[in-house]
Amino acid sequence: MSNDLDAPSAPPGPLPPVTPARVLAGISLAVPVVALLWVNSYAKLTPKLGGMPFFYWYQILWIPVSALFTGAAYLLLNHDAKQRKAAARGGESR
């Protein structure tokens, strides 16, 4: 009688080029670009913050926000690369 646990399993195939982590990384990189290129959304003088019109402080606010989005994209891609290396090592050892 054959036991399914003892049967060798087929090696996993290569990971697809488009993974959810890569899609999320692309979206997180695109958000600041789209937000700053959509000028009509922030081309106004009010509300003022410290005497500075909205147009300026909105753009300045996006500097740290963009850094957060870029950091998130880096972490997602780094995690994806580690998974790909682990999958490649697992496929070679069989």
PDB file of N, CA and C in Angstrom:
ATOM      1  N   MET A   1       0.840  -1.166   0.000  1.00  0.00           N
ATOM      2  CA  MET A   1       0.000   0.000   0.000  1.00  0.00           C
ATOM      3  C   MET A   1       0.892   1.238   0.000  1.00  0.00           C
ATOM      4  N   SER A   2       0.608   2.145  -0.876  1.00  0.00           N
ATOM      5  CA  SER A   2       1.429   3.340  -1.027  1.00  0.00           C
ATOM      6  C   SER A   2       0.913   4.452  -0.114  1.00  0.00           C
ATOM      7  N   ASN A   3       1.837   5.121   0.504  1.00  0.00           N
ATOM      8  CA  ASN A   3       1.485   6.232   1.379  1.00  0.00           C
ATOM      9  C   ASN A   3       1.759   7.539   0.637  1.00  0.00           C
ATOM     10  N   ASP A   4       0.795   8.450   0.621  1.00  0.00           N
ATOM     11  CA  ASP A   4       0.954   9.719  -0.095  1.00  0.00           C
ATOM     12  C   ASP A   4       2.054  10.585   0.502  1.00  0.00           C
ATOM     13  N   LEU A   5       2.351  10.403   1.780  1.00  0.00           N
ATOM     14  CA  LEU A   5       3.383  11.215   2.413  1.00  0.00           C
ATOM     15  C   LEU A   5       4.776  10.812   1.965  1.00  0.00           C
ATOM     16  N   ASP A   6       4.952   9.552   1.578  1.00  0.00           N
ATOM     17  CA  ASP A   6       6.254   9.072   1.145  1.00  0.00           C
ATOM     18  C   ASP A   6       6.519   9.360  -0.329  1.00  0.00           C
ATOM     19  N   ALA A   7       5.498   9.653  -1.090  1.00  0.00           N
ATOM     20  CA  ALA A   7       5.669   9.885  -2.522  1.00  0.00           C
ATOM     21  C   ALA A   7       6.390  11.207  -2.744  1.00  0.00           C
ATOM     22  N   PRO A   8       7.388  11.202  -3.645  1.00  0.00           N
ATOM     23  CA  PRO A   8       8.089  12.465  -3.916  1.00  0.00           C
ATOM     24  C   PRO A   8       7.155  13.433  -4.622  1.00  0.00           C
ATOM     25  N   SER A   9       7.195  14.651  -4.182  1.00  0.00           N
ATOM     26  CA  SER A   9       6.339  15.656  -4.806  1.00  0.00           C
ATOM     27  C   SER A   9       7.108  16.326  -5.935  1.00  0.00           C
ATOM     28  N   ALA A  10       6.356  16.843  -6.864  1.00  0.00           N
ATOM     29  CA  ALA A  10       6.975  17.538  -7.985  1.00  0.00           C
ATOM     30  C   ALA A  10       7.604  18.831  -7.484  1.00  0.00           C
ATOM     31  N   PRO A  11       8.782  19.179  -8.016  1.00  0.00           N
ATOM     32  CA  PRO A  11       9.406  20.422  -7.571  1.00  0.00           C
ATOM     33  C   PRO A  11       8.539  21.609  -7.962  1.00  0.00           C
ATOM     34  N   PRO A  12       8.482  22.590  -7.094  1.00  0.00           N
ATOM     35  CA  PRO A  12       7.671  23.758  -7.432  1.00  0.00           C
ATOM     36  C   PRO A  12       8.264  24.494  -8.623  1.00  0.00           C
ATOM     37  N   GLY A  13       7.399  24.990  -9.455  1.00  0.00           N
ATOM     38  CA  GLY A  13       7.865  25.726 -10.626  1.00  0.00           C
ATOM     39  C   GLY A  13       8.385  27.095 -10.227  1.00  0.00           C
ATOM     40  N   PRO A  14       8.971  27.788 -11.177  1.00  0.00           N
ATOM     41  CA  PRO A  14       9.465  29.128 -10.860  1.00  0.00           C
ATOM     42  C   PRO A  14       8.300  30.057 -10.514  1.00  0.00           C
ATOM     43  N   LEU A  15       8.583  31.014  -9.681  1.00  0.00           N
ATOM     44  CA  LEU A  15       7.538  31.966  -9.316  1.00  0.00           C
ATOM     45  C   LEU A  15       7.181  32.808 -10.534  1.00  0.00           C
ATOM     46  N   PRO A  16       5.925  33.192 -10.648  1.00  0.00           N
ATOM     47  CA  PRO A  16       5.525  34.007 -11.800  1.00  0.00           C
ATOM     48  C   PRO A  16       6.190  35.382 -11.728  1.00  0.00           C
ATOM     49  N   PRO A  17       6.401  36.010 -12.886  1.00  0.00           N
ATOM     50  CA  PRO A  17       7.053  37.327 -12.878  1.00  0.00           C
ATOM     51  C   PRO A  17       6.217  38.403 -12.180  1.00  0.00           C
ATOM     52  N   VAL A  18       4.898  38.263 -12.228  1.00  0.00           N
ATOM     53  CA  VAL A  18       4.027  39.242 -11.577  1.00  0.00           C
ATOM     54  C   VAL A  18       3.457  38.597 -10.321  1.00  0.00           C
ATOM     55  N   THR A  19       3.884  39.109  -9.180  1.00  0.00           N
ATOM     56  CA  THR A  19       3.391  38.618  -7.897  1.00  0.00           C
ATOM     57  C   THR A  19       2.650  39.753  -7.190  1.00  0.00           C
ATOM     58  N   PRO A  20       1.818  39.415  -6.221  1.00  0.00           N
ATOM     59  CA  PRO A  20       1.118  40.487  -5.492  1.00  0.00           C
ATOM     60  C   PRO A  20       2.073  41.492  -4.853  1.00  0.00           C
ATOM     61  N   ALA A  21       3.217  41.026  -4.372  1.00  0.00           N
ATOM     62  CA  ALA A  21       4.184  41.948  -3.758  1.00  0.00           C
ATOM     63  C   ALA A  21       4.706  42.943  -4.785  1.00  0.00           C
ATOM     64  N   ARG A  22       4.969  42.484  -5.984  1.00  0.00           N
ATOM     65  CA  ARG A  22       5.460  43.388  -7.028  1.00  0.00           C
ATOM     66  C   ARG A  22       4.381  44.370  -7.473  1.00  0.00           C
ATOM     67  N   VAL A  23       3.152  43.911  -7.521  1.00  0.00           N
ATOM     68  CA  VAL A  23       2.050  44.810  -7.897  1.00  0.00           C
ATOM     69  C   VAL A  23       1.879  45.885  -6.832  1.00  0.00           C
ATOM     70  N   LEU A  24       1.901  45.493  -5.562  1.00  0.00           N
ATOM     71  CA  LEU A  24       1.776  46.468  -4.481  1.00  0.00           C
ATOM     72  C   LEU A  24       2.948  47.445  -4.465  1.00  0.00           C
ATOM     73  N   ALA A  25       4.149  46.956  -4.768  1.00  0.00           N
ATOM     74  CA  ALA A  25       5.314  47.842  -4.830  1.00  0.00           C
ATOM     75  C   ALA A  25       5.144  48.856  -5.951  1.00  0.00           C
ATOM     76  N   GLY A  26       4.659  48.418  -7.088  1.00  0.00           N
ATOM     77  CA  GLY A  26       4.426  49.343  -8.198  1.00  0.00           C
ATOM     78  C   GLY A  26       3.375  50.378  -7.868  1.00  0.00           C
ATOM     79  N   ILE A  27       2.317  49.947  -7.192  1.00  0.00           N
ATOM     80  CA  ILE A  27       1.267  50.888  -6.801  1.00  0.00           C
ATOM     81  C   ILE A  27       1.803  51.893  -5.789  1.00  0.00           C
ATOM     82  N   SER A  28       2.598  51.404  -4.833  1.00  0.00           N
ATOM     83  CA  SER A  28       3.121  52.323  -3.819  1.00  0.00           C
ATOM     84  C   SER A  28       4.123  53.310  -4.409  1.00  0.00           C
ATOM     85  N   LEU A  29       4.764  52.967  -5.499  1.00  0.00           N
ATOM     86  CA  LEU A  29       5.644  53.928  -6.176  1.00  0.00           C
ATOM     87  C   LEU A  29       4.842  54.889  -7.054  1.00  0.00           C
ATOM     88  N   ALA A  30       3.713  54.433  -7.556  1.00  0.00           N
ATOM     89  CA  ALA A  30       2.908  55.274  -8.447  1.00  0.00           C
ATOM     90  C   ALA A  30       2.056  56.296  -7.697  1.00  0.00           C
ATOM     91  N   VAL A  31       1.678  55.998  -6.469  1.00  0.00           N
ATOM     92  CA  VAL A  31       0.793  56.900  -5.715  1.00  0.00           C
ATOM     93  C   VAL A  31       1.371  58.306  -5.576  1.00  0.00           C
ATOM     94  N   PRO A  32       2.614  58.486  -5.112  1.00  0.00           N
ATOM     95  CA  PRO A  32       3.138  59.848  -5.005  1.00  0.00           C
ATOM     96  C   PRO A  32       3.281  60.547  -6.358  1.00  0.00           C
ATOM     97  N   VAL A  33       3.636  59.798  -7.373  1.00  0.00           N
ATOM     98  CA  VAL A  33       3.791  60.393  -8.705  1.00  0.00           C
ATOM     99  C   VAL A  33       2.446  60.925  -9.190  1.00  0.00           C
ATOM    100  N   VAL A  34       1.422  60.111  -9.092  1.00  0.00           N
ATOM    101  CA  VAL A  34       0.093  60.523  -9.544  1.00  0.00           C
ATOM    102  C   VAL A  34      -0.426  61.689  -8.694  1.00  0.00           C
ATOM    103  N   ALA A  35      -0.211  61.609  -7.388  1.00  0.00           N
ATOM    104  CA  ALA A  35      -0.710  62.669  -6.504  1.00  0.00           C
ATOM    105  C   ALA A  35      -0.067  64.017  -6.816  1.00  0.00           C
ATOM    106  N   LEU A  36       1.208  64.013  -7.181  1.00  0.00           N
ATOM    107  CA  LEU A  36       1.885  65.281  -7.465  1.00  0.00           C
ATOM    108  C   LEU A  36       1.708  65.736  -8.905  1.00  0.00           C
ATOM    109  N   LEU A  37       1.430  64.821  -9.814  1.00  0.00           N
ATOM    110  CA  LEU A  37       1.185  65.228 -11.201  1.00  0.00           C
ATOM    111  C   LEU A  37      -0.248  65.697 -11.425  1.00  0.00           C
ATOM    112  N   TRP A  38      -1.138  65.376 -10.509  1.00  0.00           N
ATOM    113  CA  TRP A  38      -2.531  65.809 -10.606  1.00  0.00           C
ATOM    114  C   TRP A  38      -2.636  67.194  -9.962  1.00  0.00           C
ATOM    115  N   VAL A  39      -2.149  68.189 -10.679  1.00  0.00           N
ATOM    116  CA  VAL A  39      -1.991  69.547 -10.160  1.00  0.00           C
ATOM    117  C   VAL A  39      -3.324  70.186  -9.804  1.00  0.00           C
ATOM    118  N   ASN A  40      -4.366  69.912 -10.534  1.00  0.00           N
ATOM    119  CA  ASN A  40      -5.674  70.525 -10.245  1.00  0.00           C
ATOM    120  C   ASN A  40      -6.176  70.195  -8.839  1.00  0.00           C
ATOM    121  N   SER A  41      -5.692  69.105  -8.258  1.00  0.00           N
ATOM    122  CA  SER A  41      -6.158  68.732  -6.925  1.00  0.00           C
ATOM    123  C   SER A  41      -5.575  69.626  -5.836  1.00  0.00           C
ATOM    124  N   TYR A  42      -4.466  70.297  -6.110  1.00  0.00           N
ATOM    125  CA  TYR A  42      -3.857  71.125  -5.076  1.00  0.00           C
ATOM    126  C   TYR A  42      -3.473  72.532  -5.550  1.00  0.00           C
ATOM    127  N   ALA A  43      -3.912  72.942  -6.703  1.00  0.00           N
ATOM    128  CA  ALA A  43      -3.587  74.279  -7.220  1.00  0.00           C
ATOM    129  C   ALA A  43      -4.557  75.307  -6.648  1.00  0.00           C
ATOM    130  N   LYS A  44      -4.400  75.581  -5.359  1.00  0.00           N
ATOM    131  CA  LYS A  44      -5.248  76.579  -4.704  1.00  0.00           C
ATOM    132  C   LYS A  44      -4.448  77.251  -3.593  1.00  0.00           C
ATOM    133  N   LEU A  45      -4.909  78.381  -3.175  1.00  0.00           N
ATOM    134  CA  LEU A  45      -4.191  79.147  -2.158  1.00  0.00           C
ATOM    135  C   LEU A  45      -4.642  78.831  -0.740  1.00  0.00           C
ATOM    136  N   THR A  46      -5.887  78.421  -0.579  1.00  0.00           N
ATOM    137  CA  THR A  46      -6.394  78.142   0.760  1.00  0.00           C
ATOM    138  C   THR A  46      -6.572  76.646   0.936  1.00  0.00           C
ATOM    139  N   PRO A  47      -6.464  76.102   2.084  1.00  0.00           N
ATOM    140  CA  PRO A  47      -6.176  76.724   3.363  1.00  0.00           C
ATOM    141  C   PRO A  47      -4.685  77.047   3.506  1.00  0.00           C
ATOM    142  N   LYS A  48      -4.405  78.057   4.286  1.00  0.00           N
ATOM    143  CA  LYS A  48      -3.017  78.436   4.535  1.00  0.00           C
ATOM    144  C   LYS A  48      -2.559  77.805   5.840  1.00  0.00           C
ATOM    145  N   LEU A  49      -1.300  77.434   5.877  1.00  0.00           N
ATOM    146  CA  LEU A  49      -0.705  76.842   7.071  1.00  0.00           C
ATOM    147  C   LEU A  49       0.545  77.638   7.389  1.00  0.00           C
ATOM    148  N   GLY A  50       0.511  78.395   8.467  1.00  0.00           N
ATOM    149  CA  GLY A  50       1.642  79.232   8.824  1.00  0.00           C
ATOM    150  C   GLY A  50       1.914  80.313   7.788  1.00  0.00           C
ATOM    151  N   GLY A  51       0.874  80.799   7.134  1.00  0.00           N
ATOM    152  CA  GLY A  51       1.030  81.822   6.109  1.00  0.00           C
ATOM    153  C   GLY A  51       1.449  81.277   4.759  1.00  0.00           C
ATOM    154  N   MET A  52       1.663  79.973   4.674  1.00  0.00           N
ATOM    155  CA  MET A  52       2.078  79.357   3.417  1.00  0.00           C
ATOM    156  C   MET A  52       0.850  78.781   2.707  1.00  0.00           C
ATOM    157  N   PRO A  53       0.660  79.125   1.429  1.00  0.00           N
ATOM    158  CA  PRO A  53      -0.503  78.613   0.696  1.00  0.00           C
ATOM    159  C   PRO A  53      -0.499  77.084   0.587  1.00  0.00           C
ATOM    160  N   PHE A  54      -1.692  76.545   0.431  1.00  0.00           N
ATOM    161  CA  PHE A  54      -1.881  75.098   0.314  1.00  0.00           C
ATOM    162  C   PHE A  54      -0.989  74.493  -0.751  1.00  0.00           C
ATOM    163  N   PHE A  55      -0.816  75.162  -1.865  1.00  0.00           N
ATOM    164  CA  PHE A  55      -0.023  74.668  -2.985  1.00  0.00           C
ATOM    165  C   PHE A  55       1.377  74.241  -2.533  1.00  0.00           C
ATOM    166  N   TYR A  56       1.987  75.030  -1.658  1.00  0.00           N
ATOM    167  CA  TYR A  56       3.353  74.737  -1.225  1.00  0.00           C
ATOM    168  C   TYR A  56       3.410  73.673  -0.137  1.00  0.00           C
ATOM    169  N   TRP A  57       2.575  73.810   0.905  1.00  0.00           N
ATOM    170  CA  TRP A  57       2.710  72.843   1.979  1.00  0.00           C
ATOM    171  C   TRP A  57       2.210  71.463   1.590  1.00  0.00           C
ATOM    172  N   TYR A  58       1.319  71.381   0.608  1.00  0.00           N
ATOM    173  CA  TYR A  58       0.883  70.077   0.089  1.00  0.00           C
ATOM    174  C   TYR A  58       2.069  69.337  -0.531  1.00  0.00           C
ATOM    175  N   GLN A  59       2.863  70.054  -1.333  1.00  0.00           N
ATOM    176  CA  GLN A  59       4.021  69.431  -1.969  1.00  0.00           C
ATOM    177  C   GLN A  59       5.089  69.054  -0.945  1.00  0.00           C
ATOM    178  N   ILE A  60       5.288  69.912   0.036  1.00  0.00           N
ATOM    179  CA  ILE A  60       6.276  69.619   1.079  1.00  0.00           C
ATOM    180  C   ILE A  60       5.829  68.420   1.915  1.00  0.00           C
ATOM    181  N   LEU A  61       4.540  68.305   2.162  1.00  0.00           N
ATOM    182  CA  LEU A  61       4.006  67.172   2.902  1.00  0.00           C
ATOM    183  C   LEU A  61       4.295  65.852   2.190  1.00  0.00           C
ATOM    184  N   TRP A  62       4.323  65.894   0.861  1.00  0.00           N
ATOM    185  CA  TRP A  62       4.546  64.662   0.100  1.00  0.00           C
ATOM    186  C   TRP A  62       5.984  64.163   0.165  1.00  0.00           C
ATOM    187  N   ILE A  63       6.919  64.960   0.639  1.00  0.00           N
ATOM    188  CA  ILE A  63       8.308  64.491   0.737  1.00  0.00           C
ATOM    189  C   ILE A  63       8.417  63.312   1.706  1.00  0.00           C
ATOM    190  N   PRO A  64       7.992  63.452   2.979  1.00  0.00           N
ATOM    191  CA  PRO A  64       8.082  62.271   3.859  1.00  0.00           C
ATOM    192  C   PRO A  64       7.094  61.168   3.483  1.00  0.00           C
ATOM    193  N   VAL A  65       5.931  61.553   2.951  1.00  0.00           N
ATOM    194  CA  VAL A  65       4.957  60.536   2.543  1.00  0.00           C
ATOM    195  C   VAL A  65       5.531  59.691   1.401  1.00  0.00           C
ATOM    196  N   SER A  66       6.202  60.337   0.455  1.00  0.00           N
ATOM    197  CA  SER A  66       6.837  59.604  -0.645  1.00  0.00           C
ATOM    198  C   SER A  66       7.934  58.683  -0.131  1.00  0.00           C
ATOM    199  N   ALA A  67       8.661  59.138   0.876  1.00  0.00           N
ATOM    200  CA  ALA A  67       9.698  58.289   1.469  1.00  0.00           C
ATOM    201  C   ALA A  67       9.077  57.040   2.088  1.00  0.00           C
ATOM    202  N   LEU A  68       7.932  57.192   2.742  1.00  0.00           N
ATOM    203  CA  LEU A  68       7.247  56.031   3.319  1.00  0.00           C
ATOM    204  C   LEU A  68       6.783  55.059   2.237  1.00  0.00           C
ATOM    205  N   PHE A  69       6.196  55.589   1.162  1.00  0.00           N
ATOM    206  CA  PHE A  69       5.756  54.732   0.066  1.00  0.00           C
ATOM    207  C   PHE A  69       6.949  54.030  -0.595  1.00  0.00           C
ATOM    208  N   THR A  70       8.048  54.740  -0.769  1.00  0.00           N
ATOM    209  CA  THR A  70       9.243  54.145  -1.371  1.00  0.00           C
ATOM    210  C   THR A  70       9.831  53.072  -0.461  1.00  0.00           C
ATOM    211  N   GLY A  71       9.851  53.337   0.837  1.00  0.00           N
ATOM    212  CA  GLY A  71      10.325  52.334   1.789  1.00  0.00           C
ATOM    213  C   GLY A  71       9.464  51.087   1.783  1.00  0.00           C
ATOM    214  N   ALA A  72       8.162  51.280   1.688  1.00  0.00           N
ATOM    215  CA  ALA A  72       7.257  50.123   1.620  1.00  0.00           C
ATOM    216  C   ALA A  72       7.512  49.312   0.351  1.00  0.00           C
ATOM    217  N   ALA A  73       7.743  49.996  -0.767  1.00  0.00           N
ATOM    218  CA  ALA A  73       8.034  49.294  -2.017  1.00  0.00           C
ATOM    219  C   ALA A  73       9.342  48.512  -1.891  1.00  0.00           C
ATOM    220  N   TYR A  74      10.334  49.117  -1.261  1.00  0.00           N
ATOM    221  CA  TYR A  74      11.616  48.424  -1.058  1.00  0.00           C
ATOM    222  C   TYR A  74      11.428  47.160  -0.226  1.00  0.00           C
ATOM    223  N   LEU A  75      10.690  47.273   0.870  1.00  0.00           N
ATOM    224  CA  LEU A  75      10.471  46.104   1.721  1.00  0.00           C
ATOM    225  C   LEU A  75       9.706  45.008   0.988  1.00  0.00           C
ATOM    226  N   LEU A  76       8.705  45.393   0.216  1.00  0.00           N
ATOM    227  CA  LEU A  76       7.943  44.402  -0.546  1.00  0.00           C
ATOM    228  C   LEU A  76       8.824  43.691  -1.567  1.00  0.00           C
ATOM    229  N   LEU A  77       9.634  44.449  -2.290  1.00  0.00           N
ATOM    230  CA  LEU A  77      10.501  43.842  -3.304  1.00  0.00           C
ATOM    231  C   LEU A  77      11.608  43.006  -2.674  1.00  0.00           C
ATOM    232  N   ASN A  78      12.110  43.444  -1.531  1.00  0.00           N
ATOM    233  CA  ASN A  78      13.137  42.679  -0.834  1.00  0.00           C
ATOM    234  C   ASN A  78      12.568  41.339  -0.362  1.00  0.00           C
ATOM    235  N   HIS A  79      11.361  41.365   0.166  1.00  0.00           N
ATOM    236  CA  HIS A  79      10.699  40.138   0.601  1.00  0.00           C
ATOM    237  C   HIS A  79      10.450  39.212  -0.595  1.00  0.00           C
ATOM    238  N   ASP A  80      10.033  39.779  -1.712  1.00  0.00           N
ATOM    239  CA  ASP A  80       9.794  38.993  -2.919  1.00  0.00           C
ATOM    240  C   ASP A  80      11.099  38.363  -3.426  1.00  0.00           C
ATOM    241  N   ALA A  81      12.185  39.111  -3.376  1.00  0.00           N
ATOM    242  CA  ALA A  81      13.478  38.578  -3.832  1.00  0.00           C
ATOM    243  C   ALA A  81      13.926  37.421  -2.939  1.00  0.00           C
ATOM    244  N   LYS A  82      13.705  37.538  -1.627  1.00  0.00           N
ATOM    245  CA  LYS A  82      14.071  36.445  -0.718  1.00  0.00           C
ATOM    246  C   LYS A  82      13.244  35.199  -1.016  1.00  0.00           C
ATOM    247  N   GLN A  83      11.958  35.380  -1.313  1.00  0.00           N
ATOM    248  CA  GLN A  83      11.123  34.232  -1.661  1.00  0.00           C
ATOM    249  C   GLN A  83      11.603  33.581  -2.949  1.00  0.00           C
ATOM    250  N   ARG A  84      12.016  34.385  -3.921  1.00  0.00           N
ATOM    251  CA  ARG A  84      12.507  33.842  -5.182  1.00  0.00           C
ATOM    252  C   ARG A  84      13.802  33.067  -4.986  1.00  0.00           C
ATOM    253  N   LYS A  85      14.699  33.582  -4.146  1.00  0.00           N
ATOM    254  CA  LYS A  85      15.951  32.868  -3.869  1.00  0.00           C
ATOM    255  C   LYS A  85      15.670  31.546  -3.171  1.00  0.00           C
ATOM    256  N   ALA A  86      14.746  31.570  -2.208  1.00  0.00           N
ATOM    257  CA  ALA A  86      14.399  30.347  -1.493  1.00  0.00           C
ATOM    258  C   ALA A  86      13.767  29.328  -2.444  1.00  0.00           C
ATOM    259  N   ALA A  87      12.928  29.788  -3.345  1.00  0.00           N
ATOM    260  CA  ALA A  87      12.303  28.881  -4.310  1.00  0.00           C
ATOM    261  C   ALA A  87      13.342  28.322  -5.271  1.00  0.00           C
ATOM    262  N   ALA A  88      14.311  29.154  -5.665  1.00  0.00           N
ATOM    263  CA  ALA A  88      15.346  28.676  -6.579  1.00  0.00           C
ATOM    264  C   ALA A  88      16.239  27.656  -5.896  1.00  0.00           C
ATOM    265  N   ARG A  89      16.571  27.894  -4.635  1.00  0.00           N
ATOM    266  CA  ARG A  89      17.388  26.934  -3.893  1.00  0.00           C
ATOM    267  C   ARG A  89      16.632  25.635  -3.662  1.00  0.00           C
ATOM    268  N   GLY A  90      15.336  25.736  -3.395  1.00  0.00           N
ATOM    269  CA  GLY A  90      14.529  24.543  -3.183  1.00  0.00           C
ATOM    270  C   GLY A  90      14.403  23.720  -4.439  1.00  0.00           C
ATOM    271  N   GLY A  91      14.333  24.360  -5.586  1.00  0.00           N
ATOM    272  CA  GLY A  91      14.229  23.663  -6.867  1.00  0.00           C
ATOM    273  C   GLY A  91      15.533  23.003  -7.272  1.00  0.00           C
ATOM    274  N   GLU A  92      16.668  23.596  -6.878  1.00  0.00           N
ATOM    275  CA  GLU A  92      17.964  23.029  -7.260  1.00  0.00           C
ATOM    276  C   GLU A  92      18.345  21.836  -6.407  1.00  0.00           C
ATOM    277  N   SER A  93      17.891  21.783  -5.153  1.00  0.00           N
ATOM    278  CA  SER A  93      18.326  20.721  -4.247  1.00  0.00           C
ATOM    279  C   SER A  93      17.615  19.411  -4.537  1.00  0.00           C
ATOM    280  N   ARG A  94      16.610  19.389  -5.346  1.00  0.00           N
ATOM    281  CA  ARG A  94      15.865  18.148  -5.605  1.00  0.00           C
ATOM    282  C   ARG A  94      16.452  17.383  -6.731  1.00  0.00           C
TER     283      ARG A  94
END
